[in-house]
Protein backbone atom coordinates (compact mmCIF):
# COMPACT_ATOMS: atom_id res chain seq x y z
CA MET A 1 -31.29 -26.75 -6.79
CA GLN A 2 -30.07 -28.10 -3.13
CA TRP A 3 -26.50 -28.55 -4.32
CA PHE A 4 -26.38 -24.88 -6.37
CA HIS A 5 -27.61 -23.79 -2.88
CA THR A 6 -25.10 -25.46 -0.61
CA LEU A 7 -22.59 -24.48 -2.76
CA GLU A 8 -23.58 -20.49 -2.80
CA ALA A 9 -23.59 -20.68 1.01
CA ARG A 10 -20.15 -21.69 1.61
CA LEU A 11 -18.60 -19.08 -1.24
CA THR A 12 -20.34 -16.46 0.37
CA ARG A 13 -19.11 -17.34 3.57
CA THR A 14 -15.70 -18.10 2.54
CA ALA A 15 -15.50 -14.70 0.72
CA LEU A 16 -16.72 -13.04 4.10
CA GLU A 17 -14.65 -14.60 6.23
CA LEU A 18 -11.81 -13.93 4.23
CA ALA A 19 -12.86 -10.30 3.90
CA VAL A 20 -12.80 -10.24 8.12
CA ILE A 21 -9.62 -11.96 7.65
CA ALA A 22 -8.16 -8.66 5.01
CA MET A 23 -10.13 -6.31 7.58
CA ALA A 24 -8.36 -7.28 10.63
CA ALA A 25 -4.68 -7.46 8.64
CA VAL A 26 -5.98 -3.82 7.50
CA VAL A 27 -6.37 -2.58 11.18
CA ALA A 28 -2.92 -4.29 12.36
CA LEU A 29 -1.09 -3.36 9.90
CA ALA A 30 -2.27 0.20 10.36
CA PHE A 31 -1.41 0.49 13.95
CA TYR A 32 1.93 -1.24 13.34
CA GLN A 33 2.50 1.73 11.04
CA VAL A 34 1.39 4.50 13.11
CA VAL A 35 3.94 2.96 15.93
CA THR A 36 6.46 2.89 13.76
CA ARG A 37 5.96 6.52 12.60
CA PHE A 38 5.16 8.18 15.91
CA VAL A 39 5.90 5.96 18.59
CA ILE A 40 9.78 4.27 17.03
CA GLY A 41 9.83 7.41 14.98
CA HIS A 42 11.26 5.43 11.69
CA PRO A 43 8.01 4.76 9.56
CA SER A 44 7.70 1.44 8.09
CA VAL A 45 8.08 1.15 4.31
CA TRP A 46 6.01 -1.55 3.42
CA SER A 47 3.21 -1.47 5.90
CA GLU A 48 1.08 1.04 4.13
CA LEU A 49 1.00 -0.42 0.63
CA ALA A 50 0.47 -4.00 2.71
CA SER A 51 -2.64 -2.37 4.43
CA ARG A 52 -4.41 -0.81 1.42
CA SER A 53 -4.05 -3.91 -0.91
CA ALA A 54 -5.47 -6.09 2.04
CA MET A 55 -7.96 -3.31 2.21
CA ILE A 56 -8.51 -3.58 -1.82
CA TRP A 57 -9.26 -7.71 -1.35
CA MET A 58 -11.41 -6.70 1.83
CA VAL A 59 -13.36 -4.50 -0.29
CA PHE A 60 -13.60 -7.10 -3.29
CA LEU A 61 -14.08 -10.11 -0.61
CA GLY A 62 -17.05 -8.29 0.81
CA LEU A 63 -18.80 -8.05 -2.13
CA ALA A 64 -19.98 -11.40 -2.44
CA ALA A 65 -21.81 -10.86 1.13
CA ALA A 66 -23.39 -7.54 0.24
CA PHE A 67 -24.90 -8.83 -3.25
CA ARG A 68 -26.39 -12.05 -1.26
CA GLN A 69 -28.08 -10.08 1.58
CA GLY A 70 -29.04 -7.63 -1.15
CA ALA A 71 -27.87 -5.12 0.25
CA MET A 72 -28.16 -2.34 -3.00
CA ILE A 73 -29.71 1.18 -1.37
CA ALA A 74 -30.73 2.38 -5.02
CA VAL A 75 -32.35 -0.95 -5.44
CA ASP A 76 -34.51 -1.34 -2.37
CA PHE A 77 -35.24 2.30 -2.68
CA LEU A 78 -36.73 1.45 -6.62
CA LEU A 79 -38.45 -1.83 -4.90
CA ASP A 80 -39.98 0.16 -2.31
CA ILE A 81 -41.54 2.59 -4.51
CA SER A 82 -42.48 0.37 -7.03
CA PRO A 83 -46.07 -1.39 -7.36
CA PRO A 84 -45.87 -5.16 -5.97
CA ARG A 85 -46.48 -6.49 -9.31
CA ILE A 86 -43.03 -5.28 -10.69
CA ARG A 87 -40.86 -6.09 -8.26
CA LYS A 88 -39.85 -9.37 -9.42
CA PRO A 89 -39.36 -7.92 -12.48
CA LEU A 90 -37.18 -5.57 -12.14
CA TYR A 91 -35.38 -7.27 -9.80
CA CYS A 92 -34.42 -9.74 -12.33
CA VAL A 93 -33.38 -6.85 -14.58
CA VAL A 94 -31.06 -5.01 -11.52
CA ALA A 95 -29.70 -8.94 -10.94
CA PHE A 96 -28.94 -9.26 -14.78
CA ALA A 97 -27.39 -5.40 -14.84
CA SER A 98 -25.08 -6.79 -11.88
CA LEU A 99 -24.19 -10.18 -13.88
CA VAL A 100 -23.02 -8.30 -16.54
CA PHE A 101 -20.93 -6.09 -14.62
CA LEU A 102 -19.51 -8.92 -12.80
CA ALA A 103 -18.81 -10.53 -15.64
CA LEU A 104 -16.75 -7.33 -17.28
CA LEU A 105 -15.32 -6.97 -13.44
CA ILE A 106 -14.03 -10.68 -14.16
CA TRP A 107 -12.97 -9.83 -17.69
CA TYR A 108 -10.60 -6.72 -17.54
CA GLY A 109 -9.62 -7.96 -13.82
CA ALA A 110 -8.28 -11.00 -15.38
CA GLY A 111 -6.54 -9.17 -18.43
CA MET A 112 -5.09 -6.21 -15.65
CA THR A 113 -3.68 -8.89 -13.87
CA MET A 114 -2.17 -10.70 -16.33
CA ARG A 115 -0.77 -7.17 -18.23
CA VAL A 116 1.24 -6.29 -14.43
CA ARG A 117 2.43 -9.39 -13.38
CA GLY A 118 5.73 -7.79 -14.05
CA GLN A 119 5.55 -5.67 -11.77
CA HIS A 120 6.31 -5.41 -8.09
CA LEU A 121 5.29 -3.21 -5.35
CA ALA A 122 7.63 -1.33 -3.99
CA GLY A 123 8.87 -2.24 -0.35
CA LEU A 124 7.57 -5.58 -0.72
CA GLN A 125 8.89 -7.18 -3.85
CA ILE A 126 5.55 -8.88 -4.58
CA THR A 127 3.90 -8.54 -7.96
CA ILE A 128 1.29 -5.79 -8.19
CA ALA A 129 -0.92 -8.74 -9.66
CA TRP A 130 -1.61 -10.44 -6.01
CA VAL A 131 -3.59 -6.71 -5.59
CA TYR A 132 -4.96 -6.55 -9.16
CA ALA A 133 -6.39 -10.59 -8.80
CA ALA A 134 -8.81 -8.72 -5.90
CA LEU A 135 -11.27 -7.61 -8.96
CA PRO A 136 -12.07 -10.86 -10.85
CA VAL A 137 -11.32 -12.99 -7.76
CA GLY A 138 -14.22 -10.98 -5.63
CA ALA A 139 -16.32 -10.22 -8.50
CA ALA A 140 -16.44 -14.34 -9.17
CA PHE A 141 -17.29 -14.86 -5.70
CA ALA A 142 -20.59 -11.84 -6.16
CA VAL A 143 -21.86 -13.51 -9.52
CA PHE A 144 -22.21 -16.66 -7.04
CA GLY A 145 -24.09 -13.88 -4.34
CA VAL A 146 -26.42 -12.44 -7.23
CA ILE A 147 -27.56 -15.56 -8.69
CA GLY A 148 -28.40 -16.90 -5.08
CA ARG A 149 -30.59 -14.01 -4.01
CA LEU A 150 -32.17 -13.73 -7.40
CA VAL A 151 -33.23 -17.67 -7.08
CA GLU A 152 -34.38 -16.83 -3.30
CA VAL A 153 -36.21 -13.40 -4.42
CA LEU A 154 -37.68 -15.49 -7.22
CA HIS A 155 -39.14 -18.27 -5.08
CA ASP A 156 -40.05 -16.01 -1.84
CA PRO A 157 -42.89 -13.43 -2.48
CA ASP A 158 -41.57 -11.20 0.09
CA ALA A 159 -37.89 -11.38 -0.59
CA GLY A 160 -37.46 -9.20 -3.12
CA ARG A 161 -39.39 -6.14 -1.03
CA GLU A 162 -37.09 -6.49 2.01
CA GLY A 163 -33.71 -4.36 1.88
CA GLY A 164 -30.71 -6.20 2.60
CA LEU A 165 -30.16 -3.72 5.12
CA LYS A 166 -32.95 -4.66 6.67
CA GLU A 167 -32.19 -8.52 5.99
CA ILE A 168 -28.56 -7.98 7.73
CA SER A 169 -30.34 -5.95 10.96
CA LYS A 170 -32.41 -8.91 11.59
CA GLN A 171 -29.62 -11.24 11.61
CA THR A 172 -27.13 -9.58 14.44
């Protein structure tokens, strides 16, 4: 089980680091767009689309860390109001539902990515499949986060009780 924990931690950290890089790209591209539009007076034709594409990647890559931390507000609420004896089974049901959803995202996201590979983003001259690929890639990273969190909850009696938002604030 240790090998899975190590793999999951590395994958989740990699996804989070890539999401942070994508966020930095979004900020830089949006700043560039504002400068070219309002300061120079000649708006860039490609930076808005590139910024939007980076934002999509940021969201789907950040999904892995969110699932790993258990940062699902509705689940926190359900765990808070449920009796202690049903918290773990409830968390298992939620994890299973999340894994089914992520599997659907991987399946349909990969299919959509393959279908649009012939289309190009205007102004960037790259295939739009690179943007659509964020769905299956981000969902694949998130699968490891969901399983890692589930294993943690099943082995630690209090892990399912604390919400992800509380854990994230403890780490900072």
